Protein backbone atom coordinates (compact mmCIF):
# COMPACT_ATOMS: atom_id res chain seq x y z
CA UNK A 1 70.36 112.46 380.77
CA UNK A 2 68.23 109.53 379.70
CA UNK A 3 67.07 106.33 381.31
CA UNK A 4 69.84 104.70 383.36
CA UNK A 5 69.99 100.93 382.83
CA UNK A 6 71.78 98.13 384.67
CA UNK A 7 72.16 94.84 382.78
CA UNK A 8 72.30 91.71 384.97
CA UNK A 9 72.98 88.47 383.14
CA UNK A 10 75.55 85.73 383.57
CA UNK A 11 76.04 85.33 379.81
CA UNK A 12 78.75 87.71 378.62
CA UNK A 13 77.62 87.70 374.99
CA UNK A 14 74.07 88.68 376.05
CA UNK A 15 75.35 91.52 378.28
CA UNK A 16 77.50 92.83 375.45
CA UNK A 17 74.77 92.56 372.80
CA UNK A 18 72.06 94.21 374.89
CA UNK A 19 74.50 96.84 376.12
CA UNK A 20 75.49 97.67 372.56
CA UNK A 21 71.88 97.96 371.39
CA UNK A 22 70.81 100.11 374.32
CA UNK A 23 73.86 102.36 374.12
CA UNK A 24 72.82 103.34 370.59
CA UNK A 25 69.56 104.79 371.88
CA UNK A 26 69.85 108.53 372.52
CA UNK A 27 67.65 108.51 375.62
CA UNK A 28 69.22 105.45 377.29
CA UNK A 29 72.49 104.95 379.15
CA UNK A 30 73.90 101.62 380.32
CA UNK A 31 75.43 102.54 383.67
CA UNK A 32 76.63 99.06 384.64
CA UNK A 33 76.64 95.33 384.04
CA UNK A 34 76.55 92.44 386.51
CA UNK A 35 77.20 88.74 385.99
CA UNK A 36 75.49 87.54 389.17
CA UNK A 37 72.70 88.55 391.53
CA UNK A 38 74.90 89.79 394.37
CA UNK A 39 76.81 92.09 392.05
CA UNK A 40 73.53 93.33 390.57
CA UNK A 41 72.24 94.26 394.03
CA UNK A 42 75.51 95.99 394.93
CA UNK A 43 75.60 97.94 391.66
CA UNK A 44 71.94 98.91 392.02
CA UNK A 45 72.76 100.51 395.39
CA UNK A 46 75.79 102.32 393.99
CA UNK A 47 74.49 103.38 390.58
CA UNK A 48 70.77 103.90 391.29
CA UNK A 49 69.59 102.88 387.78
CA UNK A 50 66.06 103.55 386.61
CA UNK A 51 65.71 100.06 385.13
CA UNK A 52 67.42 96.69 385.57
CA UNK A 53 67.25 93.91 383.00
CA UNK A 54 67.49 90.83 385.19
CA UNK A 55 68.14 87.25 384.19
CA UNK A 56 66.21 84.89 386.46
CA UNK A 57 68.83 82.15 386.69
CA UNK A 58 72.17 83.55 387.87
CA UNK A 59 74.87 82.39 390.28
CA UNK A 60 75.49 83.72 393.83
CA UNK A 61 71.93 85.07 394.12
CA UNK A 62 69.29 84.21 391.56
CA UNK A 63 67.53 86.95 389.66
CA UNK A 64 64.23 86.51 391.49
CA UNK A 65 65.81 86.96 394.92
CA UNK A 66 68.04 89.78 393.68
CA UNK A 67 65.01 91.58 392.26
CA UNK A 68 63.13 91.19 395.54
CA UNK A 69 66.07 92.60 397.46
CA UNK A 70 66.58 95.51 395.07
CA UNK A 71 62.93 96.53 394.82
CA UNK A 72 62.48 96.25 398.60
CA UNK A 73 65.44 98.55 399.25
CA UNK A 74 64.93 100.81 396.22
CA UNK A 75 61.26 100.71 395.18
CA UNK A 76 61.68 103.31 392.41
CA UNK A 77 63.91 100.94 390.40
CA UNK A 78 61.96 98.95 387.81
CA UNK A 79 63.02 95.44 386.85
CA UNK A 80 62.55 93.56 383.60
CA UNK A 81 63.03 89.83 384.18
CA UNK A 82 63.88 87.26 381.56
């Protein structure tokens, strides 16, 4: 099994494009997608990804606060913010 990735972005076309690109990599697996910060935090707890790609400006909980919450609860998860 490769690197487990969660994509968090409120733009559907971005989630789909990044998901498609990453899914073609043999050592990477997109385990989930979230369209807002609260869903990203919930999915991070459930799916335990290795990496989260996090948009900074999202509804319901912005990416900065979601990243703080996730990394505080699950410090092994790495976040890439954009």
